[in-house]
Protein backbone atom coordinates (compact mmCIF):
# COMPACT_ATOMS: atom_id res chain seq x y z
CA MET A 1 0.00 0.00 0.00
CA SER A 2 1.28 3.48 -0.86
CA LEU A 3 1.52 6.18 1.80
CA ALA A 4 -1.17 8.12 -0.05
CA ALA A 5 -3.59 5.22 0.35
CA LEU A 6 -2.96 4.71 4.07
CA PRO A 7 -5.93 5.67 6.27
CA LYS A 8 -4.98 8.70 8.36
CA VAL A 9 -6.14 10.43 11.53
CA GLU A 10 -5.59 14.17 11.97
CA LEU A 11 -5.95 15.91 15.34
CA HIS A 12 -4.64 19.44 14.69
CA LEU A 13 -6.45 21.32 11.94
CA HIS A 14 -7.75 24.90 12.04
CA LEU A 15 -10.96 25.08 10.01
CA GLU A 16 -10.40 28.62 8.70
CA GLY A 17 -6.70 27.89 8.21
CA ALA A 18 -7.60 24.94 6.01
CA ALA A 19 -9.64 27.12 3.65
CA PRO A 20 -8.25 26.69 0.12
CA ALA A 21 -7.06 30.00 -1.30
CA ASP A 22 -9.36 29.60 -4.32
CA PHE A 23 -12.31 29.13 -1.98
CA VAL A 24 -11.52 32.33 -0.06
CA ARG A 25 -10.96 34.28 -3.28
CA GLY A 26 -14.27 33.08 -4.67
CA LEU A 27 -16.11 34.03 -1.50
CA ALA A 28 -14.44 37.46 -1.53
CA ARG A 29 -15.62 38.01 -5.12
CA GLU A 30 -19.16 37.08 -4.17
CA LYS A 31 -19.10 39.60 -1.34
CA SER A 32 -17.13 42.29 -3.26
CA VAL A 33 -14.32 42.24 -0.70
CA ASP A 34 -10.78 43.10 -1.83
CA LEU A 35 -8.30 40.60 -0.37
CA SER A 36 -5.60 41.05 -2.99
CA GLY A 37 -2.94 41.91 -0.41
CA ILE A 38 -2.94 38.46 1.16
CA PHE A 39 -2.17 36.45 -1.98
CA ALA A 40 1.07 35.78 -3.84
CA PRO A 41 1.27 36.11 -7.65
CA ASP A 42 0.68 32.35 -7.99
CA GLY A 43 -2.58 32.67 -6.06
CA SER A 44 -1.37 31.12 -2.81
CA TYR A 45 -1.47 32.85 0.56
CA SER A 46 1.43 35.25 1.14
CA TYR A 47 3.02 36.13 4.49
CA THR A 48 6.49 36.95 5.79
CA ASP A 49 6.60 35.40 9.27
CA PHE A 50 4.35 33.86 11.90
CA TRP A 51 2.91 37.13 13.12
CA HIS A 52 2.17 38.30 9.57
CA PHE A 53 0.67 34.86 9.00
CA LEU A 54 -1.76 35.51 11.88
CA HIS A 55 -2.78 38.78 10.20
CA VAL A 56 -3.28 37.12 6.81
CA TYR A 57 -5.20 34.28 8.48
CA GLU A 58 -7.59 36.67 10.21
CA THR A 59 -7.99 38.74 7.02
CA ALA A 60 -8.89 35.64 5.02
CA THR A 61 -11.32 34.60 7.75
CA SER A 62 -13.06 37.99 7.55
CA VAL A 63 -14.98 36.93 4.41
CA LEU A 64 -16.64 34.11 6.33
CA LYS A 65 -19.71 35.97 7.53
CA THR A 66 -22.58 33.50 7.89
CA PRO A 67 -23.31 29.94 9.01
CA GLU A 68 -23.76 28.97 5.37
CA ASP A 69 -20.27 30.30 4.60
CA TYR A 70 -18.92 27.96 7.26
CA ALA A 71 -20.97 25.07 5.94
CA ARG A 72 -19.45 25.61 2.50
CA LEU A 73 -16.00 25.89 4.07
CA THR A 74 -16.47 22.64 5.97
CA ARG A 75 -17.47 20.81 2.80
CA ALA A 76 -14.42 22.16 0.92
CA VAL A 77 -11.99 21.30 3.72
CA LEU A 78 -13.31 17.80 4.31
CA GLU A 79 -13.29 17.01 0.60
CA GLU A 80 -9.56 17.79 0.50
CA SER A 81 -8.88 15.89 3.72
CA ALA A 82 -10.71 12.81 2.50
CA ALA A 83 -8.77 12.94 -0.77
CA ALA A 84 -5.57 12.67 1.30
CA GLY A 85 -6.84 9.53 3.03
CA VAL A 86 -8.01 11.12 6.28
CA ILE A 87 -10.78 9.05 7.86
CA TYR A 88 -11.08 10.99 11.13
CA SER A 89 -10.29 14.63 11.82
CA GLU A 90 -10.61 17.11 14.64
CA THR A 91 -10.86 20.78 13.79
CA PHE A 92 -10.39 23.90 15.87
CA LEU A 93 -13.38 26.24 15.84
CA SER A 94 -13.45 29.76 17.28
CA PRO A 95 -16.69 31.43 18.43
CA ASP A 96 -14.65 34.64 18.04
CA PHE A 97 -15.04 34.19 14.28
CA CYS A 98 -18.40 32.40 14.42
CA GLY A 99 -20.90 34.82 15.88
CA GLY A 100 -18.68 37.06 17.98
CA ARG A 101 -18.84 34.81 21.05
CA ASP A 102 -22.63 35.17 21.29
CA VAL A 103 -23.98 31.78 22.37
CA GLY A 104 -27.11 31.99 20.21
CA ALA A 105 -25.21 32.94 17.08
CA TRP A 106 -22.52 30.38 17.86
CA ARG A 107 -25.16 27.63 17.98
CA GLU A 108 -26.27 28.56 14.47
CA TYR A 109 -22.72 28.36 13.13
CA LEU A 110 -22.06 25.10 14.94
CA THR A 111 -25.23 23.55 13.56
CA ALA A 112 -24.26 24.52 10.01
CA ILE A 113 -20.73 23.13 10.43
CA ARG A 114 -21.98 19.90 11.94
CA GLU A 115 -24.59 19.33 9.24
CA ALA A 116 -21.96 19.87 6.54
CA ALA A 117 -19.65 17.44 8.34
CA GLU A 118 -22.38 14.81 8.45
CA GLU A 119 -22.93 15.25 4.71
CA ALA A 120 -19.20 14.73 4.14
CA GLU A 121 -19.20 11.64 6.33
CA ALA A 122 -22.04 10.12 4.32
CA ARG A 123 -20.36 11.04 1.03
CA ASP A 124 -16.64 10.51 1.69
CA GLY A 125 -16.45 8.43 4.87
CA ILE A 126 -14.58 11.07 6.86
CA THR A 127 -15.64 11.71 10.47
CA LEU A 128 -15.19 15.18 12.01
CA ARG A 129 -15.32 16.40 15.60
CA GLY A 130 -14.95 19.96 16.88
CA ILE A 131 -12.63 21.58 19.43
CA VAL A 132 -13.52 25.11 20.53
CA THR A 133 -10.42 27.28 20.60
CA CYS A 134 -9.96 30.59 22.35
CA ILE A 135 -7.53 33.03 20.76
CA ARG A 136 -4.64 33.81 23.06
CA HIS A 137 -3.87 37.29 21.79
CA PHE A 138 -7.53 38.29 22.18
CA GLY A 139 -7.01 38.06 25.94
CA PRO A 140 -8.35 36.12 28.97
CA GLU A 141 -11.71 37.92 29.20
CA LYS A 142 -12.70 36.98 25.67
CA ALA A 143 -11.41 33.48 26.38
CA ARG A 144 -13.96 33.26 29.21
CA GLU A 145 -16.75 34.13 26.79
CA THR A 146 -15.43 31.54 24.34
CA ALA A 147 -15.35 28.91 27.10
CA LEU A 148 -18.96 29.65 27.99
CA CYS A 149 -19.93 29.13 24.34
CA ALA A 150 -18.08 25.82 24.43
CA ALA A 151 -19.69 24.73 27.70
CA GLU A 152 -23.17 25.50 26.39
CA THR A 153 -22.65 23.33 23.29
CA ALA A 154 -20.48 20.50 24.64
CA GLY A 155 -21.61 17.05 23.61
CA ASP A 156 -20.97 14.13 21.31
CA TRP A 157 -19.80 16.35 18.43
CA LEU A 158 -18.23 19.35 20.16
CA THR A 159 -15.80 17.43 22.35
CA GLY A 160 -12.75 19.55 23.15
CA PHE A 161 -11.42 22.94 24.18
CA GLY A 162 -8.07 24.56 23.50
CA ILE A 163 -6.11 27.75 22.95
CA ALA A 164 -4.25 29.02 19.88
CA GLY A 165 -2.81 32.30 18.63
CA ASP A 166 0.26 34.32 19.53
CA GLU A 167 2.24 32.47 22.22
CA ARG A 168 3.88 35.75 23.25
CA ALA A 169 0.54 37.05 24.60
CA GLY A 170 0.20 36.41 28.32
CA GLU A 171 0.85 33.21 30.21
CA PRO A 172 -1.12 29.94 30.26
CA GLY A 173 -2.26 30.61 33.82
CA ASP A 174 -4.09 33.71 32.62
CA PHE A 175 -6.53 31.38 30.86
CA ALA A 176 -7.06 28.91 33.71
CA TRP A 177 -10.67 30.03 34.32
CA ALA A 178 -11.64 29.28 30.73
CA PHE A 179 -10.06 25.83 30.88
CA ASP A 180 -11.67 25.06 34.25
CA CYS A 181 -15.05 26.03 32.76
CA ALA A 182 -14.51 23.76 29.76
CA ARG A 183 -13.32 20.88 31.94
CA GLU A 184 -16.41 21.15 34.15
CA ALA A 185 -18.55 20.91 31.01
CA GLY A 186 -16.92 17.58 30.16
CA LEU A 187 -14.70 18.86 27.36
CA ARG A 188 -11.24 17.42 26.87
CA LEU A 189 -8.33 19.80 26.78
CA THR A 190 -5.43 20.73 24.54
CA ALA A 191 -3.24 23.83 24.21
CA HIS A 192 -0.82 25.24 21.66
CA ALA A 193 2.60 25.52 23.30
CA GLY A 194 6.25 24.90 22.55
CA GLU A 195 6.17 26.35 19.05
CA TRP A 196 7.26 29.99 19.39
CA ARG A 197 8.23 29.82 23.03
CA GLY A 198 10.51 27.25 24.55
CA PRO A 199 9.97 24.13 26.64
CA GLU A 200 8.91 26.22 29.63
CA SER A 201 5.71 27.07 27.75
CA VAL A 202 4.87 23.37 27.46
CA ALA A 203 5.43 22.81 31.17
CA ALA A 204 3.33 25.88 31.98
CA ALA A 205 0.43 24.64 29.84
CA LEU A 206 0.53 21.25 31.56
CA ASP A 207 0.75 22.74 35.05
CA ALA A 208 -1.69 25.67 34.71
CA LEU A 209 -4.26 24.28 32.28
CA LYS A 210 -4.10 20.53 33.04
CA VAL A 211 -4.28 19.55 29.38
CA GLU A 212 -3.88 16.02 28.06
CA ARG A 213 -2.59 17.03 24.63
CA ILE A 214 -0.21 19.74 23.47
CA GLY A 215 -0.52 21.42 20.08
CA HIS A 216 2.97 21.38 18.54
CA GLY A 217 5.07 20.99 21.72
CA VAL A 218 8.15 20.31 19.65
CA ARG A 219 10.46 22.64 21.55
CA ALA A 220 10.15 20.29 24.50
CA ILE A 221 13.14 18.60 22.87
CA GLU A 222 15.30 21.37 24.35
CA ASP A 223 14.64 20.08 27.89
CA PRO A 224 15.45 16.37 28.42
CA ALA A 225 13.62 16.32 31.77
CA LEU A 226 10.47 17.64 30.10
CA VAL A 227 10.77 15.03 27.35
CA ASP A 228 10.91 12.36 30.05
CA ARG A 229 7.84 13.87 31.72
CA LEU A 230 5.88 13.87 28.48
CA ALA A 231 6.80 10.26 27.84
CA GLU A 232 6.06 9.09 31.37
CA ASP A 233 2.73 10.91 31.62
CA GLY A 234 1.59 9.89 28.14
CA VAL A 235 0.98 13.47 27.00
CA VAL A 236 0.12 13.45 23.31
CA LEU A 237 1.86 15.93 21.00
CA GLU A 238 -0.09 17.18 17.99
CA VAL A 239 2.96 17.65 15.76
CA CYS A 240 2.73 19.59 12.50
CA PRO A 241 6.17 19.23 10.89
CA GLY A 242 5.36 20.95 7.59
CA SER A 243 3.99 23.95 9.47
CA ASN A 244 7.10 24.17 11.65
CA VAL A 245 9.41 24.05 8.64
CA ALA A 246 7.34 26.49 6.58
CA LEU A 247 7.31 29.04 9.39
CA GLY A 248 11.02 28.65 10.15
CA VAL A 249 10.81 27.01 13.57
CA TYR A 250 13.22 24.47 12.06
CA PRO A 251 15.33 24.99 8.94
CA ASP A 252 14.39 21.73 7.22
CA TRP A 253 12.67 18.40 7.74
CA ARG A 254 15.74 16.52 8.91
CA ALA A 255 16.27 19.09 11.65
CA HIS A 256 12.73 18.61 12.96
CA PRO A 257 12.65 16.80 16.34
CA ILE A 258 9.60 14.58 15.75
CA ASP A 259 11.74 11.48 15.24
CA ARG A 260 13.81 12.19 18.36
CA LEU A 261 10.68 12.82 20.42
CA ARG A 262 9.18 9.57 19.20
CA GLY A 263 12.42 7.73 19.90
CA ALA A 264 12.35 9.08 23.46
CA GLY A 265 8.96 7.49 24.03
CA CYS A 266 6.74 10.51 23.50
CA LYS A 267 3.33 9.98 21.91
CA VAL A 268 3.53 11.95 18.66
CA THR A 269 0.86 12.43 16.03
CA VAL A 270 1.03 14.08 12.60
CA SER A 271 -1.20 16.89 11.33
CA THR A 272 -1.18 19.71 8.78
CA ASP A 273 -2.23 22.69 10.96
CA ASP A 274 -3.22 25.16 8.19
CA PRO A 275 -2.46 23.14 5.05
CA PRO A 276 -2.93 25.65 2.18
CA PHE A 277 -0.86 28.24 4.03
CA PHE A 278 2.01 25.77 4.33
CA HIS A 279 1.62 24.08 0.93
CA THR A 280 1.01 20.72 2.51
CA THR A 281 -1.42 17.83 2.81
CA MET A 282 -1.39 14.73 4.99
CA VAL A 283 0.08 12.83 2.05
CA ARG A 284 2.90 15.35 1.75
CA GLU A 285 3.55 15.17 5.50
CA TYR A 286 3.87 11.40 5.27
CA ASP A 287 6.08 11.55 2.19
CA ARG A 288 8.46 14.09 3.71
CA LEU A 289 8.70 12.20 7.00
CA ALA A 290 9.49 9.01 5.09
CA ASP A 291 12.22 10.85 3.18
CA ALA A 292 13.67 12.52 6.27
CA PHE A 293 13.58 9.65 8.76
CA GLY A 294 12.96 6.48 6.80
CA TRP A 295 9.54 5.91 8.32
CA ASP A 296 7.59 3.15 6.61
CA GLU A 297 3.99 1.97 6.50
CA ASP A 298 4.30 0.31 9.91
CA ASP A 299 5.51 3.56 11.45
CA PHE A 300 2.65 5.54 9.96
CA ALA A 301 0.12 2.89 10.97
CA ALA A 302 1.40 3.19 14.55
CA ILE A 303 1.12 6.99 14.36
CA ALA A 304 -2.48 6.70 13.17
CA ARG A 305 -3.37 4.34 16.01
CA THR A 306 -1.78 6.69 18.54
CA SER A 307 -3.87 9.50 17.03
CA ALA A 308 -7.08 7.47 17.22
CA ASP A 309 -6.39 6.52 20.83
CA ALA A 310 -5.85 10.21 21.68
CA ALA A 311 -8.89 11.50 19.77
CA PHE A 312 -11.48 13.52 21.66
CA CYS A 313 -14.36 11.28 20.65
CA ASP A 314 -16.63 8.71 22.28
CA ASP A 315 -15.53 5.10 22.54
CA THR A 316 -17.96 3.90 19.86
CA THR A 317 -16.50 6.31 17.32
CA ARG A 318 -12.96 5.43 18.40
CA SER A 319 -13.62 1.70 17.96
CA ARG A 320 -15.00 2.33 14.49
CA ILE A 321 -11.95 4.36 13.50
CA LEU A 322 -9.54 1.76 14.92
CA GLU A 323 -11.32 -0.93 12.91
CA ARG A 324 -10.76 1.07 9.74
CA LEU A 325 -7.08 1.41 10.64
CA ALA A 326 -6.63 -2.32 11.19
CA PRO A 327 -4.49 -4.00 8.50
């Protein structure tokens, strides 16, 4: 079996960040919005560094105005994911962008996204679950509002809560109330850390937010004691190698620490993060990891099982996904 044909599980995917550039351009034309400054001459997204990327991301997201826009986006994203062999995916959703953190409006967006996901599951066999994500650089107070939206809609489809955005903004402890609120609502927890700040940010997320997964987390490699802690405690790392290389966290694929983290006993998974921004797909991630580290089908099958075991879904869904991963 080729790597392209392998069934895959993706745990770290931003819904807006997965919007194909052509999709965003088409929506902008429909709404007569000029987004020309965010695209390169070849039509792809254009940015200079991570912080400019955040600006371009939020500008692209600005054309998504209605629940139907998000339904269309969900269909487009899941079609591309399914084409790459993804059978189960979790996507980050932000009430900040979907209804301005108003619970009533958020419910309308969530319903539209979920219905589109169910259509995609019936059509392409890909299962989606949602993780509400507060935006770090929007501040702790808005994160509280986001957490309340998440708590009000927690259930069998909306299953997780996390934090993303500019790691330089505040400290994990500033967002403890939001995470406590989400935890009390039964949501499972993850947090972006260890991408733009060092290993101390990973430790802080674990200690202050009590998360079971870390988004990225790759700079943990700089602290051997932290690597041991991650391995011993079974903390799952949502690793996005193509994103890290594209944004310059590491100079190339062979310099990326995913293989060393895995060798040290850490539970690593593979995801695309914001695939059109980083010119990647799950197939490309697999191909580049095979080239860089010699990983084969058995390695990727093990990664997929680790991902399924760590998924924020109910046991019935997990069993169904594991059955589809079985050789």
